[in-house]
């Protein structure tokens, strides 16, 4: 079974907002800091032609870059997460 993944940083307000939103909805997710985790950084760079873009949300083989809450909600609903 796949688990939702969030790739961001501690200082990024958009990463924090998504993290806080998912926690407020009691949605389980893996949280990766792309500044401290080299593998996480490479996973994100592989999605964007070598560029580091965050926050990125991944589930299965789909990902969202810097989603707004309505876009994130649609993504979660599509995958039966929320």
N, C-alpha and C. Protein backbone atom coordinates (compact mmCIF):
# COMPACT_ATOMS: atom_id res chain seq x y z
N UNK A 1 0.84 -1.19 0.00
CA UNK A 1 0.00 0.00 0.00
C UNK A 1 0.88 1.25 0.00
N UNK A 2 0.55 2.19 -0.86
CA UNK A 2 1.32 3.42 -0.94
C UNK A 2 0.95 4.37 0.19
N UNK A 3 1.87 5.25 0.48
CA UNK A 3 1.64 6.27 1.49
C UNK A 3 1.94 7.63 0.87
N UNK A 4 1.13 8.60 1.23
CA UNK A 4 1.34 9.96 0.76
C UNK A 4 2.70 10.46 1.22
N UNK A 5 3.38 11.20 0.37
CA UNK A 5 4.70 11.73 0.70
C UNK A 5 4.72 13.23 0.45
N UNK A 6 5.34 13.94 1.38
CA UNK A 6 5.54 15.38 1.25
C UNK A 6 7.03 15.66 1.24
N UNK A 7 7.49 16.39 0.23
CA UNK A 7 8.89 16.78 0.11
C UNK A 7 8.95 18.30 0.22
N UNK A 8 9.71 18.77 1.19
CA UNK A 8 9.83 20.21 1.39
C UNK A 8 10.99 20.52 2.31
N UNK A 9 10.90 21.65 3.00
CA UNK A 9 11.92 22.05 3.97
C UNK A 9 11.20 22.55 5.22
N UNK A 10 11.97 22.73 6.28
CA UNK A 10 11.40 23.25 7.52
C UNK A 10 11.11 24.75 7.43
N UNK A 11 11.90 25.49 6.65
CA UNK A 11 11.76 26.94 6.58
C UNK A 11 10.74 27.41 5.54
N UNK A 12 10.33 26.52 4.65
CA UNK A 12 9.40 26.89 3.57
C UNK A 12 7.98 27.00 4.12
N UNK A 13 7.39 28.18 4.03
CA UNK A 13 6.05 28.38 4.57
C UNK A 13 5.00 27.56 3.83
N UNK A 14 5.18 27.35 2.55
CA UNK A 14 4.23 26.53 1.79
C UNK A 14 4.32 25.07 2.20
N UNK A 15 5.54 24.58 2.43
CA UNK A 15 5.71 23.20 2.93
C UNK A 15 5.04 23.06 4.29
N UNK A 16 5.25 24.03 5.16
CA UNK A 16 4.66 24.01 6.50
C UNK A 16 3.14 24.05 6.42
N UNK A 17 2.61 24.85 5.53
CA UNK A 17 1.15 24.96 5.40
C UNK A 17 0.55 23.62 4.97
N UNK A 18 1.18 22.95 4.03
CA UNK A 18 0.67 21.65 3.58
C UNK A 18 0.82 20.62 4.71
N UNK A 19 1.95 20.63 5.36
CA UNK A 19 2.19 19.72 6.50
C UNK A 19 1.11 19.92 7.57
N UNK A 20 0.87 21.16 7.93
CA UNK A 20 -0.13 21.46 8.95
C UNK A 20 -1.54 21.07 8.50
N UNK A 21 -1.84 21.29 7.25
CA UNK A 21 -3.16 20.94 6.73
C UNK A 21 -3.38 19.43 6.79
N UNK A 22 -2.40 18.66 6.32
CA UNK A 22 -2.53 17.20 6.35
C UNK A 22 -2.68 16.70 7.78
N UNK A 23 -1.90 17.27 8.69
CA UNK A 23 -2.00 16.87 10.09
C UNK A 23 -3.37 17.23 10.67
N UNK A 24 -3.91 18.37 10.29
CA UNK A 24 -5.21 18.78 10.81
C UNK A 24 -6.33 17.86 10.33
N UNK A 25 -6.12 17.21 9.20
CA UNK A 25 -7.09 16.27 8.65
C UNK A 25 -6.80 14.83 9.07
N UNK A 26 -5.79 14.65 9.92
CA UNK A 26 -5.38 13.31 10.41
C UNK A 26 -5.00 12.38 9.27
N UNK A 27 -4.35 12.94 8.24
CA UNK A 27 -3.90 12.14 7.10
C UNK A 27 -2.46 11.74 7.35
N UNK A 28 -2.21 10.45 7.28
CA UNK A 28 -0.84 9.96 7.47
C UNK A 28 -0.03 10.23 6.21
N UNK A 29 1.21 10.66 6.42
CA UNK A 29 2.09 10.92 5.29
C UNK A 29 3.54 10.84 5.77
N UNK A 30 4.42 10.56 4.83
CA UNK A 30 5.85 10.61 5.11
C UNK A 30 6.33 12.01 4.75
N UNK A 31 7.13 12.59 5.64
CA UNK A 31 7.58 13.96 5.49
C UNK A 31 9.10 13.96 5.27
N UNK A 32 9.53 14.42 4.11
CA UNK A 32 10.94 14.42 3.75
C UNK A 32 11.47 15.85 3.63
N UNK A 33 12.58 16.12 4.27
CA UNK A 33 13.25 17.42 4.17
C UNK A 33 14.33 17.29 3.09
N UNK A 34 14.13 17.98 1.98
CA UNK A 34 15.05 17.85 0.85
C UNK A 34 16.42 18.48 1.11
N UNK A 35 16.54 19.27 2.17
CA UNK A 35 17.85 19.84 2.52
C UNK A 35 18.67 18.88 3.37
N UNK A 36 18.01 18.00 4.08
CA UNK A 36 18.71 17.10 5.00
C UNK A 36 18.79 15.66 4.49
N UNK A 37 17.98 15.32 3.52
CA UNK A 37 17.88 13.95 3.02
C UNK A 37 18.27 13.95 1.54
N UNK A 38 19.48 13.48 1.25
CA UNK A 38 20.00 13.50 -0.13
C UNK A 38 19.16 12.64 -1.07
N UNK A 39 18.67 11.51 -0.59
CA UNK A 39 17.82 10.65 -1.43
C UNK A 39 16.52 11.36 -1.78
N UNK A 40 15.92 12.02 -0.81
CA UNK A 40 14.69 12.78 -1.05
C UNK A 40 14.94 13.89 -2.07
N UNK A 41 16.05 14.58 -1.92
CA UNK A 41 16.40 15.63 -2.87
C UNK A 41 16.49 15.07 -4.29
N UNK A 42 17.14 13.92 -4.44
CA UNK A 42 17.29 13.32 -5.76
C UNK A 42 15.95 12.86 -6.34
N UNK A 43 15.05 12.35 -5.48
CA UNK A 43 13.72 11.94 -5.95
C UNK A 43 12.98 13.13 -6.54
N UNK A 44 13.07 14.27 -5.88
CA UNK A 44 12.38 15.47 -6.37
C UNK A 44 13.06 15.97 -7.64
N UNK A 45 14.37 16.02 -7.66
CA UNK A 45 15.08 16.50 -8.86
C UNK A 45 14.76 15.62 -10.08
N UNK A 46 14.55 14.32 -9.86
CA UNK A 46 14.23 13.41 -10.95
C UNK A 46 12.87 13.75 -11.60
N UNK A 47 12.00 14.37 -10.84
CA UNK A 47 10.68 14.75 -11.37
C UNK A 47 10.72 16.01 -12.22
N UNK A 48 11.72 16.86 -11.98
CA UNK A 48 11.74 18.20 -12.58
C UNK A 48 13.03 18.48 -13.35
N UNK A 49 13.50 17.51 -14.09
CA UNK A 49 14.68 17.69 -14.94
C UNK A 49 15.87 18.27 -14.19
N UNK A 50 16.10 17.75 -12.98
CA UNK A 50 17.27 18.16 -12.20
C UNK A 50 17.05 19.37 -11.31
N UNK A 51 15.88 19.99 -11.39
CA UNK A 51 15.60 21.16 -10.56
C UNK A 51 14.95 20.72 -9.25
N UNK A 52 15.25 21.44 -8.20
CA UNK A 52 14.70 21.16 -6.88
C UNK A 52 13.49 22.05 -6.66
N UNK A 53 12.30 21.45 -6.70
CA UNK A 53 11.06 22.23 -6.56
C UNK A 53 10.26 21.64 -5.40
N UNK A 54 9.86 22.49 -4.52
CA UNK A 54 9.07 22.05 -3.37
C UNK A 54 8.15 23.17 -2.93
N UNK A 55 7.11 22.83 -2.21
CA UNK A 55 6.75 21.48 -1.78
C UNK A 55 6.23 20.64 -2.95
N UNK A 56 6.54 19.37 -2.87
CA UNK A 56 6.04 18.38 -3.81
C UNK A 56 5.33 17.30 -3.01
N UNK A 57 4.14 16.95 -3.47
CA UNK A 57 3.36 15.88 -2.85
C UNK A 57 3.32 14.73 -3.84
N UNK A 58 3.62 13.51 -3.35
CA UNK A 58 3.65 12.33 -4.22
C UNK A 58 2.76 11.25 -3.63
N UNK A 59 2.02 10.60 -4.50
CA UNK A 59 1.28 9.39 -4.14
C UNK A 59 1.32 8.48 -5.34
N UNK A 60 1.74 7.24 -5.12
CA UNK A 60 1.95 6.28 -6.21
C UNK A 60 2.88 6.92 -7.24
N UNK A 61 2.45 6.98 -8.48
CA UNK A 61 3.31 7.53 -9.53
C UNK A 61 2.92 8.96 -9.91
N UNK A 62 2.04 9.57 -9.15
CA UNK A 62 1.59 10.94 -9.45
C UNK A 62 2.16 11.93 -8.45
N UNK A 63 2.38 13.14 -8.91
CA UNK A 63 2.89 14.17 -8.01
C UNK A 63 2.28 15.54 -8.32
N UNK A 64 2.30 16.38 -7.30
CA UNK A 64 1.86 17.76 -7.41
C UNK A 64 2.98 18.66 -6.96
N UNK A 65 3.19 19.74 -7.70
CA UNK A 65 4.19 20.73 -7.30
C UNK A 65 3.47 21.93 -6.71
N UNK A 66 3.83 22.28 -5.49
CA UNK A 66 3.32 23.48 -4.84
C UNK A 66 1.80 23.61 -4.96
N UNK A 67 1.07 22.57 -4.52
CA UNK A 67 -0.38 22.62 -4.71
C UNK A 67 -1.06 23.60 -3.76
N UNK A 68 -2.12 24.20 -4.25
CA UNK A 68 -3.02 24.98 -3.40
C UNK A 68 -3.96 23.97 -2.73
N UNK A 69 -4.60 24.35 -1.65
CA UNK A 69 -5.43 23.42 -0.89
C UNK A 69 -6.53 22.77 -1.75
N UNK A 70 -7.27 23.51 -2.59
CA UNK A 70 -8.28 22.84 -3.42
C UNK A 70 -7.68 21.77 -4.35
N UNK A 71 -6.51 22.08 -4.90
CA UNK A 71 -5.83 21.11 -5.78
C UNK A 71 -5.38 19.89 -4.97
N UNK A 72 -4.86 20.13 -3.78
CA UNK A 72 -4.45 19.04 -2.90
C UNK A 72 -5.66 18.19 -2.52
N UNK A 73 -6.77 18.83 -2.19
CA UNK A 73 -7.99 18.09 -1.83
C UNK A 73 -8.47 17.20 -2.97
N UNK A 74 -8.44 17.71 -4.19
CA UNK A 74 -8.84 16.91 -5.35
C UNK A 74 -7.92 15.72 -5.53
N UNK A 75 -6.63 15.93 -5.34
CA UNK A 75 -5.63 14.86 -5.44
C UNK A 75 -5.89 13.80 -4.37
N UNK A 76 -6.15 14.23 -3.15
CA UNK A 76 -6.42 13.31 -2.05
C UNK A 76 -7.70 12.51 -2.32
N UNK A 77 -8.73 13.18 -2.80
CA UNK A 77 -10.00 12.52 -3.08
C UNK A 77 -9.82 11.52 -4.21
N UNK A 78 -9.10 11.89 -5.23
CA UNK A 78 -8.86 11.01 -6.38
C UNK A 78 -8.22 9.70 -5.92
N UNK A 79 -7.36 9.78 -4.93
CA UNK A 79 -6.65 8.59 -4.44
C UNK A 79 -7.29 7.99 -3.19
N UNK A 80 -8.50 8.43 -2.90
CA UNK A 80 -9.25 7.91 -1.74
C UNK A 80 -8.48 8.04 -0.43
N UNK A 81 -7.79 9.18 -0.29
CA UNK A 81 -7.03 9.44 0.93
C UNK A 81 -7.85 10.26 1.90
N UNK A 82 -8.67 11.14 1.39
CA UNK A 82 -9.48 11.98 2.28
C UNK A 82 -10.93 11.99 1.83
